[in-house]
Amino acid sequence: MNCYDCHASEGTDTAAVAVCHGCNSGLCPGHLRITRPVVHRVNGTGVSHSPAPARQVLCATCHAAAQGVALPAPSTERTERADRAERTAPRRSPVT
């Protein structure tokens, strides 16, 4: 499995080392985010959370959504980068 964000934003194939808990996309070490959420459980009047936080792997998009921040889609970034490169590339005169 390859990293979805590498493919969508850069067009490269990078091996995935984890899967996003939110969207199940493959992630390379450069694109994963690890969070430590507190696990809550229904337990009457006793302790309602685990004494140790869990580990959760998320992609940048799902991590931003959990934090309430909007991010552009990786494919949008790739398109914008290509447009900028096209605008800044030197113009070649037509061959006659």
N, C-alpha and C. Protein backbone atom coordinates (compact mmCIF):
# COMPACT_ATOMS: atom_id res chain seq x y z
N MET A 1 0.85 -1.17 0.00
CA MET A 1 0.00 0.00 0.00
C MET A 1 0.90 1.24 0.00
N ASN A 2 0.49 2.25 -0.73
CA ASN A 2 1.24 3.50 -0.82
C ASN A 2 0.52 4.62 -0.08
N CYS A 3 1.28 5.66 0.24
CA CYS A 3 0.74 6.83 0.93
C CYS A 3 -0.17 7.61 -0.02
N TYR A 4 -1.40 7.84 0.39
CA TYR A 4 -2.35 8.57 -0.44
C TYR A 4 -1.94 10.03 -0.60
N ASP A 5 -1.51 10.66 0.50
CA ASP A 5 -1.16 12.08 0.43
C ASP A 5 0.05 12.32 -0.47
N CYS A 6 1.03 11.42 -0.46
CA CYS A 6 2.18 11.57 -1.37
C CYS A 6 1.72 11.48 -2.82
N HIS A 7 0.86 10.53 -3.10
CA HIS A 7 0.37 10.36 -4.47
C HIS A 7 -0.48 11.55 -4.90
N ALA A 8 -1.38 12.01 -4.02
CA ALA A 8 -2.29 13.10 -4.39
C ALA A 8 -1.58 14.44 -4.50
N SER A 9 -0.62 14.72 -3.62
CA SER A 9 -0.01 16.04 -3.62
C SER A 9 1.25 16.12 -4.47
N GLU A 10 2.02 15.03 -4.56
CA GLU A 10 3.29 15.08 -5.27
C GLU A 10 3.36 14.15 -6.47
N GLY A 11 2.43 13.23 -6.56
CA GLY A 11 2.44 12.27 -7.65
C GLY A 11 3.49 11.18 -7.50
N THR A 12 3.95 10.95 -6.26
CA THR A 12 4.98 9.94 -6.01
C THR A 12 4.37 8.73 -5.32
N ASP A 13 5.07 7.61 -5.40
CA ASP A 13 4.65 6.38 -4.72
C ASP A 13 5.58 6.14 -3.55
N THR A 14 5.07 6.37 -2.34
CA THR A 14 5.83 6.16 -1.11
C THR A 14 5.13 5.09 -0.31
N ALA A 15 5.88 4.15 0.23
CA ALA A 15 5.29 3.06 1.00
C ALA A 15 4.59 3.60 2.25
N ALA A 16 3.40 3.07 2.51
CA ALA A 16 2.64 3.45 3.70
C ALA A 16 3.10 2.61 4.88
N VAL A 17 3.13 3.23 6.05
CA VAL A 17 3.50 2.52 7.28
C VAL A 17 2.34 2.46 8.26
N ALA A 18 1.25 3.18 7.97
CA ALA A 18 0.09 3.21 8.85
C ALA A 18 -1.16 3.53 8.04
N VAL A 19 -2.31 3.37 8.68
CA VAL A 19 -3.60 3.66 8.06
C VAL A 19 -4.32 4.67 8.93
N CYS A 20 -4.91 5.69 8.32
CA CYS A 20 -5.64 6.73 9.04
C CYS A 20 -6.86 6.13 9.73
N HIS A 21 -7.04 6.47 11.00
CA HIS A 21 -8.18 5.99 11.77
C HIS A 21 -9.49 6.59 11.26
N GLY A 22 -9.42 7.79 10.67
CA GLY A 22 -10.63 8.47 10.21
C GLY A 22 -11.09 8.05 8.83
N CYS A 23 -10.17 8.02 7.85
CA CYS A 23 -10.57 7.77 6.46
C CYS A 23 -9.95 6.51 5.85
N ASN A 24 -9.12 5.81 6.60
CA ASN A 24 -8.48 4.57 6.16
C ASN A 24 -7.51 4.74 4.99
N SER A 25 -6.97 5.93 4.80
CA SER A 25 -5.96 6.16 3.77
C SER A 25 -4.61 5.64 4.27
N GLY A 26 -3.80 5.11 3.35
CA GLY A 26 -2.45 4.72 3.70
C GLY A 26 -1.60 5.96 3.93
N LEU A 27 -0.69 5.91 4.92
CA LEU A 27 0.13 7.07 5.27
C LEU A 27 1.60 6.69 5.42
N CYS A 28 2.47 7.56 4.90
CA CYS A 28 3.91 7.40 5.11
C CYS A 28 4.27 8.12 6.41
N PRO A 29 5.49 7.95 6.93
CA PRO A 29 5.87 8.64 8.17
C PRO A 29 5.78 10.16 8.08
N GLY A 30 5.95 10.73 6.92
CA GLY A 30 5.90 12.18 6.77
C GLY A 30 4.50 12.77 6.81
N HIS A 31 3.49 11.96 6.56
CA HIS A 31 2.13 12.49 6.50
C HIS A 31 1.24 12.06 7.67
N LEU A 32 1.70 11.19 8.55
CA LEU A 32 0.83 10.77 9.64
C LEU A 32 0.94 11.69 10.84
N ARG A 33 -0.13 11.77 11.59
CA ARG A 33 -0.21 12.53 12.84
C ARG A 33 -0.67 11.56 13.92
N ILE A 34 0.01 11.53 15.04
CA ILE A 34 -0.37 10.64 16.14
C ILE A 34 -0.97 11.50 17.26
N THR A 35 -2.17 11.13 17.67
CA THR A 35 -2.83 11.82 18.78
C THR A 35 -2.97 10.84 19.95
N ARG A 36 -3.24 11.37 21.12
CA ARG A 36 -3.40 10.55 22.32
C ARG A 36 -4.75 10.85 22.97
N PRO A 37 -5.85 10.38 22.38
CA PRO A 37 -7.17 10.68 22.94
C PRO A 37 -7.44 9.88 24.22
N VAL A 38 -8.22 10.46 25.10
CA VAL A 38 -8.65 9.77 26.31
C VAL A 38 -9.83 8.88 25.93
N VAL A 39 -9.78 7.63 26.34
CA VAL A 39 -10.83 6.67 26.03
C VAL A 39 -11.93 6.79 27.09
N HIS A 40 -13.15 7.09 26.65
CA HIS A 40 -14.30 7.19 27.55
C HIS A 40 -15.15 5.94 27.42
N ARG A 41 -15.71 5.50 28.54
CA ARG A 41 -16.61 4.35 28.50
C ARG A 41 -17.74 4.58 29.49
N VAL A 42 -18.87 4.01 29.22
CA VAL A 42 -20.01 4.11 30.12
C VAL A 42 -19.77 3.18 31.28
N ASN A 43 -19.81 3.73 32.53
CA ASN A 43 -19.48 2.92 33.68
C ASN A 43 -20.25 3.36 34.93
N GLY A 44 -21.49 3.68 34.79
CA GLY A 44 -22.30 4.04 35.96
C GLY A 44 -21.71 5.24 36.70
N THR A 45 -21.49 5.10 38.02
CA THR A 45 -20.97 6.21 38.83
C THR A 45 -19.47 6.14 39.05
N GLY A 46 -18.81 5.12 38.51
CA GLY A 46 -17.36 4.97 38.70
C GLY A 46 -16.57 5.79 37.70
N VAL A 47 -15.30 5.43 37.57
CA VAL A 47 -14.40 6.12 36.63
C VAL A 47 -14.91 5.88 35.21
N SER A 48 -15.00 6.96 34.43
CA SER A 48 -15.58 6.83 33.10
C SER A 48 -14.54 6.96 31.99
N HIS A 49 -13.27 6.99 32.34
CA HIS A 49 -12.24 7.05 31.31
C HIS A 49 -11.07 6.18 31.71
N SER A 50 -10.32 5.78 30.71
CA SER A 50 -9.17 4.92 30.93
C SER A 50 -8.05 5.74 31.58
N PRO A 51 -7.25 5.13 32.46
CA PRO A 51 -6.16 5.88 33.09
C PRO A 51 -5.04 6.24 32.12
N ALA A 52 -4.92 5.52 31.02
CA ALA A 52 -3.89 5.80 30.02
C ALA A 52 -4.55 6.20 28.71
N PRO A 53 -4.04 7.26 28.04
CA PRO A 53 -4.62 7.63 26.75
C PRO A 53 -4.29 6.59 25.68
N ALA A 54 -5.13 6.53 24.68
CA ALA A 54 -4.92 5.61 23.56
C ALA A 54 -4.00 6.26 22.53
N ARG A 55 -3.62 5.52 21.53
CA ARG A 55 -2.85 6.07 20.41
C ARG A 55 -3.75 6.01 19.18
N GLN A 56 -3.78 7.11 18.44
CA GLN A 56 -4.63 7.19 17.25
C GLN A 56 -3.81 7.82 16.13
N VAL A 57 -3.75 7.14 14.98
CA VAL A 57 -3.03 7.65 13.81
C VAL A 57 -4.04 8.30 12.87
N LEU A 58 -3.75 9.56 12.47
CA LEU A 58 -4.63 10.30 11.58
C LEU A 58 -3.82 10.92 10.44
N CYS A 59 -4.47 11.13 9.30
CA CYS A 59 -3.85 11.89 8.22
C CYS A 59 -4.00 13.38 8.55
N ALA A 60 -3.34 14.24 7.82
CA ALA A 60 -3.40 15.68 8.08
C ALA A 60 -4.82 16.21 7.93
N THR A 61 -5.58 15.69 6.98
CA THR A 61 -6.95 16.15 6.75
C THR A 61 -7.86 15.78 7.92
N CYS A 62 -7.82 14.54 8.37
CA CYS A 62 -8.66 14.11 9.49
C CYS A 62 -8.22 14.77 10.80
N HIS A 63 -6.91 14.97 10.97
CA HIS A 63 -6.40 15.65 12.17
C HIS A 63 -6.90 17.09 12.20
N ALA A 64 -6.85 17.78 11.07
CA ALA A 64 -7.34 19.16 11.00
C ALA A 64 -8.84 19.21 11.25
N ALA A 65 -9.59 18.25 10.72
CA ALA A 65 -11.04 18.21 10.93
C ALA A 65 -11.35 18.00 12.41
N ALA A 66 -10.58 17.15 13.09
CA ALA A 66 -10.79 16.92 14.52
C ALA A 66 -10.48 18.18 15.33
N GLN A 67 -9.54 18.99 14.85
CA GLN A 67 -9.17 20.23 15.52
C GLN A 67 -10.07 21.39 15.12
N GLY A 68 -10.92 21.20 14.09
CA GLY A 68 -11.82 22.25 13.63
C GLY A 68 -11.16 23.23 12.67
N VAL A 69 -10.14 22.77 11.95
CA VAL A 69 -9.41 23.62 11.01
C VAL A 69 -9.62 23.06 9.60
N ALA A 70 -9.85 23.93 8.63
CA ALA A 70 -10.05 23.48 7.24
C ALA A 70 -8.72 23.46 6.51
N LEU A 71 -8.45 22.40 5.78
CA LEU A 71 -7.26 22.28 4.94
C LEU A 71 -7.68 22.05 3.50
N PRO A 72 -6.89 22.54 2.53
CA PRO A 72 -7.20 22.21 1.14
C PRO A 72 -6.89 20.73 0.88
N ALA A 73 -7.60 20.14 -0.05
CA ALA A 73 -7.35 18.75 -0.42
C ALA A 73 -5.97 18.63 -1.05
N PRO A 74 -5.25 17.49 -0.84
CA PRO A 74 -3.92 17.32 -1.42
C PRO A 74 -3.91 17.49 -2.93
N SER A 75 -4.96 17.03 -3.62
CA SER A 75 -5.00 17.16 -5.08
C SER A 75 -5.12 18.62 -5.49
N THR A 76 -5.77 19.45 -4.67
CA THR A 76 -5.87 20.88 -4.94
C THR A 76 -4.50 21.52 -4.86
N GLU A 77 -3.71 21.12 -3.84
CA GLU A 77 -2.35 21.65 -3.70
C GLU A 77 -1.50 21.30 -4.91
N ARG A 78 -1.65 20.08 -5.41
CA ARG A 78 -0.88 19.64 -6.57
C ARG A 78 -1.24 20.46 -7.80
N THR A 79 -2.53 20.71 -8.01
CA THR A 79 -2.99 21.50 -9.14
C THR A 79 -2.49 22.94 -9.05
N GLU A 80 -2.57 23.52 -7.86
CA GLU A 80 -2.09 24.90 -7.67
C GLU A 80 -0.59 25.00 -7.90
N ARG A 81 0.17 24.01 -7.44
CA ARG A 81 1.62 24.00 -7.65
C ARG A 81 1.95 23.91 -9.13
N ALA A 82 1.22 23.09 -9.88
CA ALA A 82 1.45 22.95 -11.31
C ALA A 82 1.11 24.26 -12.04
N ASP A 83 0.04 24.91 -11.60
CA ASP A 83 -0.33 26.20 -12.22
C ASP A 83 0.74 27.25 -11.96
N ARG A 84 1.27 27.32 -10.74
CA ARG A 84 2.33 28.28 -10.43
C ARG A 84 3.58 28.00 -11.26
N ALA A 85 3.93 26.72 -11.40
CA ALA A 85 5.11 26.36 -12.18
C ALA A 85 4.93 26.75 -13.64
N GLU A 86 3.72 26.59 -14.15
CA GLU A 86 3.45 26.95 -15.55
C GLU A 86 3.55 28.46 -15.75
N ARG A 87 3.06 29.24 -14.79
CA ARG A 87 3.12 30.69 -14.89
C ARG A 87 4.55 31.23 -14.79
N THR A 88 5.38 30.58 -13.97
CA THR A 88 6.74 31.08 -13.77
C THR A 88 7.75 30.49 -14.75
N ALA A 89 7.35 29.49 -15.51
CA ALA A 89 8.27 28.88 -16.48
C ALA A 89 8.55 29.87 -17.61
N PRO A 90 9.79 29.91 -18.08
CA PRO A 90 10.11 30.83 -19.19
C PRO A 90 9.35 30.42 -20.44
N ARG A 91 8.87 31.40 -21.15
CA ARG A 91 8.12 31.15 -22.39
C ARG A 91 9.10 30.85 -23.52
N ARG A 92 8.78 29.84 -24.29
CA ARG A 92 9.62 29.48 -25.42
C ARG A 92 8.97 30.03 -26.68
N SER A 93 9.80 30.55 -27.53
CA SER A 93 9.26 31.06 -28.80
C SER A 93 8.98 29.88 -29.73
N PRO A 94 7.97 29.98 -30.55
CA PRO A 94 7.65 28.87 -31.45
C PRO A 94 8.79 28.69 -32.47
N VAL A 95 9.02 27.43 -32.80
CA VAL A 95 10.07 27.10 -33.76
C VAL A 95 9.54 27.36 -35.16
N THR A 96 10.32 28.08 -35.94
CA THR A 96 9.89 28.39 -37.31
C THR A 96 10.75 27.69 -38.33
